[in-house]
Amino acid sequence: MRGEVSDVTAATEGSGAEGRPKRSIASRLTTVLAALLVLLALTVPYDFGRLSPAGFVRIPLEALLVVALLLALPSRGSRLVATLAGVALGLLGLLKLLDLGFSASLSRAFDPVLDWALLDEGFAFLSESYGRPAAIGAAITLALVVVGLPTLVTLSMRRLRRLVVRHRTGTTRIVAALVVVWVACAAFNVRVVEGVPVADTSATTLANGHGFQVRLRLDDRETFGALIEADRFGDTPGDQLLTALRGKNVVVAFVESYGRDAVEDPEFAPQVGAVLDRGTSELNAAGFAAQSGFLTSPTFGGGSWLAHDTLLSGLWIDNDQRHRTLLASDRMTLNGAFRRANWQTVGVMPAVTKAWPEGSFFGYDRFYNAKTLAYRGPKFSFGTPPDQYTLASWQRLEQAKRDGNVMTELALVSSHAPWTPVPPLLDWADVGDGAVYRGAGVRRSDDKRRNTAQIRADYRKSIEYTLGTLTSYVRTYGDDDLVFIFLGDHQPAAVVTGENASRDVPISIITRDRAVLDRISGWGWQDGLKPGPQAPVWRMDAFRDRFLTAFGP
């Protein structure tokens, strides 16, 4: 019995001897991971263009200040500081992740006042593009990150506090040395990569920047309200509006993601330019002429409704606060000017799948959404019918029955992200209810792992498809009364354009009536469907008033 007890005791002691190093290794690994998480939260860039390994080589001043506080305060005070700093840093990390996502897709920072409403739009986009399960999975992941990141960073800070206090002397020396290095790097403006200083204060800068955004949004409400009221055409009688277009069938078509890069980027311009040049030649042979220029969009990479608002209202609508304020106003839009001048107004929006309050504001006499267009074919980009089907249905439902003045606003979305393959251009008589696309031999892209080159190639092909479809429609159905205006809503995301792309989009007007083009001769637009590098550039909000002036009495 005594031997058995001795054996058990020895076994227990051996287990403890082995267990302590194991616990020590696990503890050290946890501490290292906690330090890495805190360091990443502090140093990760908030601009996608700066996301590189060198961008993390920084000394955050905020970290030095927090560690100094932990060393100076008593135990209870240091615990409180560690907790508060952890929560703040966790929230800062979330803000940085949102900024990274927005800078990559929309080339701007996240707006903490307005952009929460885009979560619903993002869920709809993922559902239509990749399926509802993928959208739900993304939503769950986002919820876990929102809750988990601040929690983990706070726990990490509390753990690091204990390490700092336990090794007070060594930590003090390290902090003192880093302060000297920070001051030296700040004095000599040392940078590892362009725009990223080693002596870093980005956490404070980011917090102040977003605080300024909040104040700016609050101040903008009153300013924008005054702009809405200051409308030089607001009280113009209908018989003095658009007199030079009486009897015309006017179309304003927005082409999704059709930006300046499509006609100037060396990777896209040869093929897209060839489509535009061929379209110009074919339209000229059919008796049509075209002129083109550029407009600067208020948005980039997404937010098409902001571009629609801006062009049609004559106001610069670059955020959702202005969008909602506009919808609550009685501002006369370009659609409204046509309606006041006794045109029938029509809206065709194939991507609208639910209640759409914008329709009431724009006041269409007739409106066609995804349901009323009655598409029976397979889904393509963004879950919508191909643009040729949209145009064919609009022709059948509206244009073939046109009686008198009609103004149509069209949204063409085959070139919407994520830029999956598009169908070939069919004979217009074969389009029908869209079922023909099931056998059109389209290479469907269900591969979610496309590289950047494949995404860019698919973007280019989608633009070629829509532009070719538009010119084919005009050749097939256009008559002497048609005045067809088409433009891009915004540039595609930075994954296509790269960093620092302009916000310019092409705009073209097609007609057989030379008198219409004579009216805009002072605009300086260039002949043909492809604007060149020297084509004039206006802000998009200038278009409404210039158009109403050119075609007024």
Protein backbone atom coordinates (compact mmCIF):
# COMPACT_ATOMS: atom_id res chain seq x y z
CA MET A 1 0.00 0.00 0.00
CA ARG A 2 2.77 2.38 0.92
CA GLY A 3 4.44 1.77 -2.43
CA GLU A 4 1.23 2.39 -4.29
CA VAL A 5 0.77 5.68 -2.46
CA SER A 6 4.32 6.67 -3.32
CA ASP A 7 3.74 5.83 -6.96
CA VAL A 8 0.55 7.91 -7.07
CA THR A 9 2.30 10.83 -5.39
CA ALA A 10 5.19 10.64 -7.81
CA ALA A 11 2.81 10.47 -10.75
CA THR A 12 0.89 13.48 -9.48
CA GLU A 13 4.07 15.50 -8.93
CA GLY A 14 5.30 14.55 -12.37
CA SER A 15 2.03 15.67 -13.91
CA GLY A 16 2.28 18.97 -12.10
CA ALA A 17 5.89 19.40 -13.18
CA GLU A 18 4.88 18.79 -16.77
CA GLY A 19 1.66 20.85 -16.46
CA ARG A 20 3.30 24.03 -15.25
CA PRO A 21 5.49 24.51 -18.36
CA LYS A 22 2.50 23.72 -20.57
CA ARG A 23 0.41 26.36 -18.79
CA SER A 24 3.34 28.78 -19.01
CA ILE A 25 3.67 28.28 -22.77
CA ALA A 26 -0.06 28.76 -23.25
CA SER A 27 0.00 31.86 -21.10
CA ARG A 28 2.91 33.34 -23.01
CA LEU A 29 1.26 32.57 -26.35
CA THR A 30 -1.95 34.24 -25.17
CA THR A 31 0.02 37.32 -24.10
CA VAL A 32 1.78 37.49 -27.46
CA LEU A 33 -1.54 37.22 -29.29
CA ALA A 34 -3.03 39.92 -27.06
CA ALA A 35 -0.11 42.24 -27.82
CA LEU A 36 -0.42 41.56 -31.56
CA LEU A 37 -4.16 42.28 -31.51
CA VAL A 38 -3.66 45.59 -29.71
CA LEU A 39 -0.79 46.53 -32.02
CA LEU A 40 -2.83 45.69 -35.12
CA ALA A 41 -5.79 47.72 -33.87
CA LEU A 42 -3.46 50.68 -33.40
CA THR A 43 -1.39 50.44 -36.58
CA VAL A 44 -3.64 48.94 -39.27
CA PRO A 45 -4.13 51.67 -41.93
CA TYR A 46 -7.63 52.97 -42.46
CA ASP A 47 -6.97 53.68 -46.16
CA PHE A 48 -6.97 50.62 -48.44
CA GLY A 49 -4.27 52.19 -50.60
CA ARG A 50 -1.85 52.11 -47.66
CA LEU A 51 -2.49 48.52 -46.69
CA SER A 52 0.98 46.98 -46.98
CA PRO A 53 3.44 45.32 -44.56
CA ALA A 54 5.51 48.51 -44.39
CA GLY A 55 2.41 50.42 -43.31
CA PHE A 56 2.49 48.60 -39.94
CA VAL A 57 6.02 49.80 -39.07
CA ARG A 58 4.88 52.61 -36.80
CA ILE A 59 5.16 53.76 -33.19
CA PRO A 60 1.69 54.81 -32.01
CA LEU A 61 1.88 57.78 -29.64
CA GLU A 62 -1.44 56.71 -28.08
CA ALA A 63 0.09 53.39 -26.99
CA LEU A 64 3.00 55.15 -25.27
CA LEU A 65 0.62 57.46 -23.42
CA VAL A 66 -1.61 54.62 -22.22
CA VAL A 67 1.37 52.58 -20.99
CA ALA A 68 2.70 55.63 -19.16
CA LEU A 69 -0.68 56.02 -17.42
CA LEU A 70 -0.72 52.34 -16.45
CA LEU A 71 2.72 52.76 -14.87
CA ALA A 72 1.82 55.96 -13.02
CA LEU A 73 -1.59 55.02 -11.60
CA PRO A 74 -2.36 52.77 -8.63
CA SER A 75 -3.78 49.30 -9.24
CA ARG A 76 -7.48 50.23 -9.32
CA GLY A 77 -6.86 53.26 -11.56
CA SER A 78 -4.72 51.30 -13.98
CA ARG A 79 -7.40 48.60 -14.30
CA LEU A 80 -9.98 51.26 -15.16
CA VAL A 81 -7.65 52.88 -17.71
CA ALA A 82 -6.89 49.51 -19.31
CA THR A 83 -10.61 48.71 -19.61
CA LEU A 84 -11.56 52.09 -21.05
CA ALA A 85 -8.60 52.06 -23.44
CA GLY A 86 -9.51 48.55 -24.57
CA VAL A 87 -13.11 49.51 -25.34
CA ALA A 88 -12.00 52.66 -27.17
CA LEU A 89 -9.35 50.79 -29.13
CA GLY A 90 -11.79 48.02 -30.03
CA LEU A 91 -14.26 50.57 -31.38
CA LEU A 92 -11.42 52.29 -33.22
CA GLY A 93 -10.50 48.95 -34.78
CA LEU A 94 -14.08 48.53 -36.00
CA LEU A 95 -14.00 52.02 -37.47
CA LYS A 96 -10.75 51.22 -39.26
CA LEU A 97 -12.21 48.02 -40.74
CA LEU A 98 -15.22 49.97 -42.00
CA ASP A 99 -12.96 52.65 -43.45
CA LEU A 100 -10.87 49.98 -45.20
CA GLY A 101 -13.98 48.45 -46.76
CA PHE A 102 -15.38 51.80 -47.85
CA SER A 103 -12.07 53.04 -49.26
CA ALA A 104 -11.68 49.81 -51.25
CA SER A 105 -15.20 49.91 -52.72
CA LEU A 106 -16.30 53.57 -52.66
CA SER A 107 -12.96 55.41 -52.39
CA ARG A 108 -14.06 57.31 -49.30
CA ALA A 109 -14.13 56.89 -45.54
CA PHE A 110 -17.03 55.39 -43.63
CA ASP A 111 -19.55 58.01 -42.52
CA PRO A 112 -20.55 57.22 -38.91
CA VAL A 113 -23.73 59.29 -39.24
CA LEU A 114 -25.18 58.07 -42.52
CA ASP A 115 -23.62 54.83 -43.70
CA TRP A 116 -25.34 52.46 -41.29
CA ALA A 117 -28.31 52.60 -43.65
CA LEU A 118 -26.12 51.00 -46.33
CA LEU A 119 -26.04 47.73 -44.39
CA ASP A 120 -29.45 46.92 -45.83
CA GLU A 121 -28.24 47.76 -49.33
CA GLY A 122 -25.17 45.60 -48.81
CA PHE A 123 -27.29 42.65 -47.66
CA ALA A 124 -29.51 43.03 -50.74
CA PHE A 125 -26.45 43.19 -53.00
CA LEU A 126 -24.96 40.00 -51.54
CA SER A 127 -28.33 38.23 -51.73
CA GLU A 128 -28.82 39.11 -55.38
CA SER A 129 -25.21 38.49 -56.40
CA TYR A 130 -24.21 35.44 -54.34
CA GLY A 131 -27.43 34.09 -52.83
CA ARG A 132 -29.24 34.57 -49.54
CA PRO A 133 -27.17 32.01 -47.56
CA ALA A 134 -23.99 33.92 -48.41
CA ALA A 135 -25.63 37.20 -47.37
CA ILE A 136 -26.80 35.69 -44.06
CA GLY A 137 -23.32 34.27 -43.44
CA ALA A 138 -21.77 37.69 -44.08
CA ALA A 139 -24.28 39.34 -41.73
CA ILE A 140 -23.51 36.83 -38.96
CA THR A 141 -19.76 37.34 -39.47
CA LEU A 142 -20.19 41.10 -39.25
CA ALA A 143 -22.24 40.78 -36.04
CA LEU A 144 -19.54 38.57 -34.51
CA VAL A 145 -16.84 41.07 -35.43
CA VAL A 146 -18.85 44.00 -34.06
CA VAL A 147 -19.30 42.26 -30.71
CA GLY A 148 -16.10 40.23 -30.61
CA LEU A 149 -13.45 42.76 -31.59
CA PRO A 150 -14.07 45.30 -28.79
CA THR A 151 -14.42 42.43 -26.30
CA LEU A 152 -11.17 40.76 -27.33
CA VAL A 153 -9.23 44.03 -27.44
CA THR A 154 -10.52 44.97 -23.97
CA LEU A 155 -9.50 41.58 -22.53
CA SER A 156 -6.12 41.93 -24.27
CA MET A 157 -5.55 45.36 -22.71
CA ARG A 158 -6.38 44.05 -19.25
CA ARG A 159 -3.93 41.18 -19.72
CA LEU A 160 -1.19 43.50 -20.95
CA ARG A 161 -1.77 45.79 -17.98
CA ARG A 162 -0.81 42.97 -15.64
CA LEU A 163 2.36 42.38 -17.68
CA VAL A 164 3.25 46.08 -17.60
CA VAL A 165 2.76 46.34 -13.84
CA ARG A 166 4.63 43.10 -13.17
CA HIS A 167 7.66 44.30 -15.16
CA ARG A 168 7.47 47.98 -14.21
CA THR A 169 11.19 48.77 -14.43
CA GLY A 170 11.77 47.12 -17.80
CA THR A 171 8.60 48.59 -19.24
CA THR A 172 9.58 52.09 -18.10
CA ARG A 173 12.93 51.81 -19.87
CA ILE A 174 11.32 50.53 -23.08
CA VAL A 175 8.72 53.31 -23.09
CA ALA A 176 11.36 55.96 -22.45
CA ALA A 177 13.47 54.65 -25.34
CA LEU A 178 10.46 54.56 -27.68
CA VAL A 179 9.51 58.12 -26.73
CA VAL A 180 13.00 59.26 -27.76
CA VAL A 181 12.70 57.35 -31.06
CA TRP A 182 9.19 58.76 -31.63
CA VAL A 183 10.34 62.34 -31.09
CA ALA A 184 13.32 61.85 -33.41
CA CYS A 185 11.16 60.31 -36.15
CA ALA A 186 8.63 63.13 -35.77
CA ALA A 187 11.35 65.79 -35.92
CA PHE A 188 12.88 64.36 -39.10
CA ASN A 189 9.54 63.25 -40.61
CA VAL A 190 10.74 59.65 -41.00
CA ARG A 191 8.40 57.58 -43.20
CA VAL A 192 8.55 53.89 -44.10
CA VAL A 193 6.15 54.34 -47.01
CA GLU A 194 4.77 57.48 -48.64
CA GLY A 195 2.21 59.19 -46.44
CA VAL A 196 2.75 56.89 -43.42
CA PRO A 197 5.01 58.40 -40.71
CA VAL A 198 6.79 56.18 -38.20
CA ALA A 199 5.85 58.65 -35.43
CA ASP A 200 2.18 57.78 -35.60
CA THR A 201 -0.87 59.62 -34.25
CA SER A 202 -3.37 58.07 -36.66
CA ALA A 203 -5.74 56.85 -33.92
CA THR A 204 -6.29 60.41 -32.66
CA THR A 205 -6.42 61.75 -36.22
CA LEU A 206 -9.01 59.17 -37.23
CA ALA A 207 -11.21 59.86 -34.20
CA ASN A 208 -11.01 63.63 -34.80
CA GLY A 209 -11.71 63.17 -38.49
CA HIS A 210 -14.86 61.19 -37.89
CA GLY A 211 -15.93 63.63 -35.20
CA PHE A 212 -15.58 66.39 -37.78
CA GLN A 213 -17.73 64.34 -40.16
CA VAL A 214 -20.50 64.21 -37.57
CA ARG A 215 -20.36 67.97 -37.02
CA LEU A 216 -20.25 68.59 -40.77
CA ARG A 217 -23.39 66.51 -41.35
CA LEU A 218 -25.27 68.41 -38.65
CA ASP A 219 -24.21 71.77 -40.09
CA ASP A 220 -25.04 70.73 -43.65
CA ARG A 221 -28.77 70.27 -43.04
CA GLU A 222 -29.57 73.97 -42.92
CA THR A 223 -27.19 74.82 -45.77
CA PHE A 224 -28.65 72.19 -48.07
CA GLY A 225 -32.21 73.24 -47.29
CA ALA A 226 -31.36 76.73 -48.56
CA LEU A 227 -29.90 75.24 -51.75
CA ILE A 228 -33.11 73.32 -52.42
CA GLU A 229 -35.14 76.52 -52.19
CA ALA A 230 -32.81 78.49 -54.48
CA ASP A 231 -34.15 77.07 -57.76
CA ARG A 232 -33.97 79.37 -60.78
CA PHE A 233 -36.46 77.17 -62.65
CA GLY A 234 -38.71 76.34 -59.70
CA ASP A 235 -41.49 78.76 -60.68
CA THR A 236 -41.09 78.59 -64.47
CA PRO A 237 -44.47 77.88 -66.15
CA GLY A 238 -44.74 74.68 -68.18
CA ASP A 239 -45.21 76.52 -71.47
CA GLN A 240 -41.76 78.08 -71.00
CA LEU A 241 -39.95 74.82 -70.32
CA LEU A 242 -38.32 72.54 -72.93
CA THR A 243 -39.96 74.34 -75.85
CA ALA A 244 -37.25 73.18 -78.27
CA LEU A 245 -38.06 69.53 -77.56
CA ARG A 246 -41.81 69.59 -78.21
CA GLY A 247 -42.88 66.36 -79.86
CA LYS A 248 -39.66 64.58 -78.93
CA ASN A 249 -39.33 61.17 -77.33
CA VAL A 250 -36.65 61.92 -74.71
CA VAL A 251 -34.72 59.19 -72.90
CA VAL A 252 -32.21 59.57 -70.04
CA ALA A 253 -30.42 56.26 -69.46
CA PHE A 254 -27.95 55.64 -66.64
CA VAL A 255 -25.34 52.97 -67.39
CA GLU A 256 -24.12 51.32 -64.20
CA SER A 257 -20.39 51.79 -63.43
CA TYR A 258 -19.66 53.38 -66.82
CA GLY A 259 -16.78 55.62 -65.82
CA ARG A 260 -14.04 57.56 -67.51
CA ASP A 261 -11.64 54.67 -67.03
CA ALA A 262 -13.75 52.58 -69.41
CA VAL A 263 -12.76 54.87 -72.30
CA GLU A 264 -9.25 55.87 -71.17
CA ASP A 265 -7.64 53.04 -69.17
CA PRO A 266 -5.24 51.21 -71.56
CA GLU A 267 -6.66 47.88 -70.38
CA PHE A 268 -10.24 48.81 -71.36
CA ALA A 269 -10.04 51.62 -73.90
CA PRO A 270 -9.12 49.64 -77.04
CA GLN A 271 -12.09 47.25 -76.77
CA VAL A 272 -14.63 49.70 -75.31
CA GLY A 273 -13.45 52.38 -77.73
CA ALA A 274 -13.94 49.99 -80.64
CA VAL A 275 -17.56 49.39 -79.55
CA LEU A 276 -18.18 53.14 -79.33
CA ASP A 277 -16.49 53.87 -82.68
CA ARG A 278 -18.43 51.10 -84.38
CA GLY A 279 -21.64 52.34 -82.78
CA THR A 280 -20.93 55.90 -83.99
CA SER A 281 -20.37 54.68 -87.56
CA GLU A 282 -23.49 52.52 -87.58
CA LEU A 283 -25.62 55.30 -86.10
CA ASN A 284 -24.29 57.78 -88.65
CA ALA A 285 -25.21 55.34 -91.42
CA ALA A 286 -28.75 55.23 -89.99
CA GLY A 287 -28.98 59.03 -90.00
CA PHE A 288 -28.18 59.65 -86.33
CA ALA A 289 -25.53 61.94 -84.91
CA ALA A 290 -24.01 61.97 -81.43
CA GLN A 291 -22.01 64.30 -79.20
CA SER A 292 -20.25 63.46 -75.94
CA GLY A 293 -18.55 64.98 -72.91
CA PHE A 294 -17.83 64.17 -69.26
CA LEU A 295 -19.65 64.82 -65.99
CA THR A 296 -18.13 64.54 -62.51
CA SER A 297 -20.23 62.20 -60.40
CA PRO A 298 -20.87 62.83 -56.69
CA THR A 299 -20.16 59.18 -55.89
CA PHE A 300 -17.62 56.49 -56.70
CA GLY A 301 -17.89 52.70 -56.83
CA GLY A 302 -21.54 52.61 -55.72
CA GLY A 303 -24.44 54.73 -54.49
CA SER A 304 -26.04 55.06 -57.93
CA TRP A 305 -29.07 56.82 -56.45
CA LEU A 306 -26.85 59.76 -55.48
CA ALA A 307 -25.88 60.25 -59.13
CA HIS A 308 -29.52 59.96 -60.26
CA ASP A 309 -30.52 62.56 -57.65
CA THR A 310 -27.72 64.90 -58.67
CA LEU A 311 -28.32 64.85 -62.42
CA LEU A 312 -32.08 65.17 -62.16
CA SER A 313 -32.32 67.71 -59.31
CA GLY A 314 -29.44 70.00 -60.21
CA LEU A 315 -28.12 69.66 -56.64
CA TRP A 316 -24.92 68.02 -55.40
CA ILE A 317 -26.20 64.90 -53.58
CA ASP A 318 -23.13 63.10 -52.22
CA ASN A 319 -24.56 61.45 -49.10
CA ASP A 320 -27.73 59.82 -47.82
CA GLN A 321 -28.62 62.74 -45.56
CA ARG A 322 -28.94 65.00 -48.61
CA HIS A 323 -30.74 62.21 -50.45
CA ARG A 324 -33.41 61.92 -47.74
CA THR A 325 -33.74 65.71 -47.46
CA LEU A 326 -34.26 65.94 -51.22
CA LEU A 327 -36.97 63.26 -51.15
CA ALA A 328 -38.84 65.24 -48.48
CA SER A 329 -38.75 68.44 -50.56
CA ASP A 330 -40.71 69.74 -53.54
CA ARG A 331 -37.61 70.41 -55.66
CA MET A 332 -38.37 70.32 -59.38
CA THR A 333 -36.36 67.56 -61.02
CA LEU A 334 -35.66 67.16 -64.71
CA ASN A 335 -38.49 64.60 -64.78
CA GLY A 336 -40.72 67.16 -63.09
CA ALA A 337 -39.82 69.81 -65.66
CA PHE A 338 -40.87 67.47 -68.46
CA ARG A 339 -44.09 66.62 -66.63
CA ARG A 340 -44.84 70.32 -66.05
CA ALA A 341 -44.26 70.88 -69.78
CA ASN A 342 -46.93 68.25 -70.57
CA TRP A 343 -44.75 65.18 -71.17
CA GLN A 344 -45.75 61.75 -69.90
CA THR A 345 -42.93 60.52 -67.64
CA VAL A 346 -41.86 56.90 -67.33
CA GLY A 347 -39.41 55.16 -65.00
CA VAL A 348 -37.78 51.80 -65.80
CA MET A 349 -35.78 50.33 -62.90
CA PRO A 350 -35.08 46.58 -63.26
CA ALA A 351 -33.10 46.44 -59.99
CA VAL A 352 -36.01 47.69 -57.85
CA THR A 353 -37.46 44.66 -56.09
CA LYS A 354 -39.25 46.24 -53.11
CA ALA A 355 -40.97 49.44 -51.99
CA TRP A 356 -39.15 52.41 -53.51
CA PRO A 357 -40.02 55.83 -52.01
CA GLU A 358 -37.97 57.61 -54.66
CA GLY A 359 -40.70 56.78 -57.18
CA SER A 360 -43.17 59.05 -55.39
CA PHE A 361 -40.68 61.92 -55.34
CA PHE A 362 -39.83 61.69 -59.04
CA GLY A 363 -43.54 61.30 -59.81
CA TYR A 364 -43.51 58.99 -62.82
CA ASP A 365 -46.79 58.60 -64.65
CA ARG A 366 -45.86 54.96 -65.21
CA PHE A 367 -43.20 52.90 -63.47
CA TYR A 368 -41.69 49.51 -64.29
CA ASN A 369 -39.70 47.55 -61.71
CA ALA A 370 -38.36 43.99 -61.57
CA LYS A 371 -41.85 42.57 -61.10
CA THR A 372 -43.68 44.50 -63.82
CA LEU A 373 -40.91 43.83 -66.35
CA ALA A 374 -41.85 40.14 -65.89
CA TYR A 375 -38.49 38.59 -66.70
CA ARG A 376 -38.58 34.77 -66.98
CA GLY A 377 -34.95 34.01 -67.72
CA PRO A 378 -31.92 33.12 -65.57
CA LYS A 379 -30.26 35.67 -63.28
CA PHE A 380 -27.22 37.55 -64.44
CA SER A 381 -25.23 40.33 -62.76
CA PHE A 382 -26.78 41.60 -59.52
CA GLY A 383 -29.72 39.24 -60.02
CA THR A 384 -31.27 41.40 -62.73
CA PRO A 385 -32.40 40.79 -66.32
CA PRO A 386 -29.90 41.59 -69.06
CA ASP A 387 -30.06 45.13 -70.39
CA GLN A 388 -31.29 43.97 -73.77
CA TYR A 389 -34.32 42.39 -72.09
CA THR A 390 -34.98 45.63 -70.16
CA LEU A 391 -34.87 47.67 -73.37
CA ALA A 392 -36.97 45.14 -75.30
CA SER A 393 -39.65 45.08 -72.59
CA TRP A 394 -39.70 48.86 -72.37
CA GLN A 395 -40.09 48.99 -76.14
CA ARG A 396 -43.00 46.54 -76.03
CA LEU A 397 -44.76 48.01 -72.99
CA GLU A 398 -44.20 51.70 -73.66
CA GLN A 399 -42.45 52.81 -76.81
CA ALA A 400 -44.52 50.81 -79.27
CA LYS A 401 -47.65 52.44 -77.79
CA ARG A 402 -46.22 55.95 -77.45
CA ASP A 403 -48.69 58.73 -78.07
CA GLY A 404 -47.40 62.28 -77.74
CA ASN A 405 -44.51 63.60 -75.67
CA VAL A 406 -42.83 60.98 -73.46
CA MET A 407 -39.77 61.28 -71.22
CA THR A 408 -38.22 58.06 -69.89
CA GLU A 409 -35.62 57.50 -67.20
CA LEU A 410 -33.85 54.15 -67.59
CA ALA A 411 -31.44 52.34 -65.27
CA LEU A 412 -29.29 49.76 -67.09
CA VAL A 413 -27.54 47.42 -64.68
CA SER A 414 -25.84 44.58 -66.56
CA SER A 415 -22.54 46.32 -65.75
CA HIS A 416 -23.27 46.31 -62.00
CA ALA A 417 -20.74 44.70 -59.65
CA PRO A 418 -19.76 41.89 -59.20
CA TRP A 419 -19.46 41.90 -63.02
CA THR A 420 -20.37 38.35 -63.80
CA PRO A 421 -20.51 37.28 -67.46
CA VAL A 422 -23.24 38.74 -69.67
CA PRO A 423 -25.17 37.11 -72.51
CA PRO A 424 -24.55 37.75 -76.21
CA LEU A 425 -26.60 40.34 -78.06
CA LEU A 426 -29.62 38.57 -79.56
CA ASP A 427 -31.96 39.38 -82.39
CA TRP A 428 -34.50 41.75 -80.82
CA ALA A 429 -37.39 39.67 -82.09
CA ASP A 430 -36.08 36.63 -80.16
CA VAL A 431 -35.85 38.21 -76.67
CA GLY A 432 -39.48 37.46 -75.66
CA ASP A 433 -39.98 36.90 -71.93
CA GLY A 434 -36.29 36.17 -71.38
CA ALA A 435 -36.54 32.38 -71.36
CA VAL A 436 -34.34 32.35 -74.47
CA TYR A 437 -31.36 33.23 -72.27
CA ARG A 438 -31.47 29.79 -70.68
CA GLY A 439 -30.06 28.38 -73.90
CA ALA A 440 -27.89 31.31 -74.90
CA GLY A 441 -24.64 29.50 -74.15
CA VAL A 442 -23.53 31.97 -71.50
CA ARG A 443 -20.56 31.04 -69.35
CA ARG A 444 -22.06 31.58 -65.90
CA SER A 445 -19.52 32.63 -63.29
CA ASP A 446 -20.21 31.06 -59.92
CA ASP A 447 -16.54 31.27 -59.00
CA LYS A 448 -16.29 33.63 -56.02
CA ARG A 449 -12.49 33.45 -56.13
CA ARG A 450 -11.85 35.42 -59.33
CA ASN A 451 -8.60 37.35 -59.27
CA THR A 452 -8.33 41.04 -60.02
CA ALA A 453 -7.47 40.48 -63.68
CA GLN A 454 -10.60 38.34 -64.20
CA ILE A 455 -12.80 40.92 -62.42
CA ARG A 456 -11.42 43.72 -64.60
CA ALA A 457 -11.93 41.69 -67.77
CA ASP A 458 -15.53 40.88 -66.80
CA TYR A 459 -16.15 44.56 -66.03
CA ARG A 460 -14.91 45.55 -69.48
CA LYS A 461 -17.05 42.95 -71.20
CA SER A 462 -20.16 44.06 -69.32
CA ILE A 463 -19.61 47.68 -70.42
CA GLU A 464 -19.08 46.55 -74.00
CA TYR A 465 -22.32 44.57 -73.81
CA THR A 466 -24.44 47.46 -72.52
CA LEU A 467 -22.99 50.03 -74.93
CA GLY A 468 -23.44 47.66 -77.86
CA THR A 469 -27.00 46.95 -76.76
CA LEU A 470 -27.82 50.67 -76.54
CA THR A 471 -26.58 51.49 -80.02
CA SER A 472 -28.30 48.42 -81.43
CA TYR A 473 -31.57 49.52 -79.83
CA VAL A 474 -31.33 53.01 -81.32
CA ARG A 475 -30.56 51.62 -84.78
CA THR A 476 -33.45 49.14 -84.56
CA TYR A 477 -36.19 51.27 -83.01
CA GLY A 478 -35.03 54.89 -83.17
CA ASP A 479 -36.98 57.41 -85.24
CA ASP A 480 -36.83 61.11 -86.07
CA ASP A 481 -38.35 62.04 -82.68
CA LEU A 482 -35.87 60.18 -80.50
CA VAL A 483 -33.46 62.12 -78.29
CA PHE A 484 -31.45 59.52 -76.41
CA ILE A 485 -29.11 60.64 -73.60
CA PHE A 486 -26.99 58.05 -71.80
CA LEU A 487 -24.32 58.47 -69.16
CA GLY A 488 -22.47 56.60 -66.44
CA ASP A 489 -23.65 56.93 -62.87
CA HIS A 490 -20.18 56.53 -61.35
CA GLN A 491 -16.81 54.89 -61.81
CA PRO A 492 -16.47 51.23 -60.78
CA ALA A 493 -14.78 50.28 -57.50
CA ALA A 494 -11.05 50.69 -56.94
CA VAL A 495 -10.48 46.99 -57.69
CA VAL A 496 -11.16 48.00 -61.32
CA THR A 497 -9.87 51.57 -61.52
CA GLY A 498 -6.98 51.39 -59.08
CA GLU A 499 -6.25 54.14 -56.58
CA ASN A 500 -6.79 57.87 -57.17
CA ALA A 501 -9.09 57.52 -60.16
CA SER A 502 -11.22 60.50 -61.16
CA ARG A 503 -14.97 60.62 -60.56
CA ASP A 504 -15.74 61.53 -64.17
CA VAL A 505 -18.27 59.62 -66.28
CA PRO A 506 -18.99 59.86 -70.01
CA ILE A 507 -22.26 61.32 -71.26
CA SER A 508 -23.61 61.20 -74.84
CA ILE A 509 -26.67 62.48 -76.68
CA ILE A 510 -27.98 60.77 -79.84
CA THR A 511 -30.55 62.17 -82.26
CA ARG A 512 -31.42 62.49 -85.94
CA ASP A 513 -32.52 66.08 -85.48
CA ARG A 514 -29.55 68.39 -86.08
CA ALA A 515 -31.51 71.26 -84.55
CA VAL A 516 -31.28 69.47 -81.19
CA LEU A 517 -27.48 69.29 -81.43
CA ASP A 518 -27.33 72.90 -82.63
CA ARG A 519 -28.96 73.88 -79.35
CA ILE A 520 -25.96 72.48 -77.42
CA SER A 521 -23.26 73.70 -79.79
CA GLY A 522 -21.98 76.03 -77.08
CA TRP A 523 -21.33 73.13 -74.74
CA GLY A 524 -18.16 72.14 -76.58
CA TRP A 525 -19.03 68.44 -76.59
CA GLN A 526 -17.17 66.27 -79.09
CA ASP A 527 -18.71 64.46 -82.05
CA GLY A 528 -19.37 60.74 -81.65
CA LEU A 529 -20.07 58.44 -78.73
CA LYS A 530 -16.53 58.48 -77.31
CA PRO A 531 -15.41 61.64 -75.52
CA GLY A 532 -11.69 62.28 -75.86
CA PRO A 533 -9.24 63.51 -73.23
CA GLN A 534 -9.96 67.14 -74.14
CA ALA A 535 -13.75 66.85 -73.86
CA PRO A 536 -15.27 69.33 -71.40
CA VAL A 537 -15.97 68.21 -67.84
CA TRP A 538 -18.84 69.61 -65.75
CA ARG A 539 -20.03 68.71 -62.31
CA MET A 540 -23.08 66.49 -62.65
CA ASP A 541 -25.29 68.92 -60.74
CA ALA A 542 -24.75 71.53 -63.49
CA PHE A 543 -26.50 69.39 -66.12
CA ARG A 544 -30.14 70.10 -65.23
CA ASP A 545 -29.91 73.88 -65.51
CA ARG A 546 -27.72 73.77 -68.64
CA PHE A 547 -30.18 71.39 -70.27
CA LEU A 548 -33.24 73.45 -69.35
CA THR A 549 -31.50 76.60 -70.55
CA ALA A 550 -30.41 75.07 -73.86
CA PHE A 551 -33.87 73.73 -74.70
CA GLY A 552 -35.96 76.54 -73.23
CA PRO A 553 -37.39 79.52 -75.14
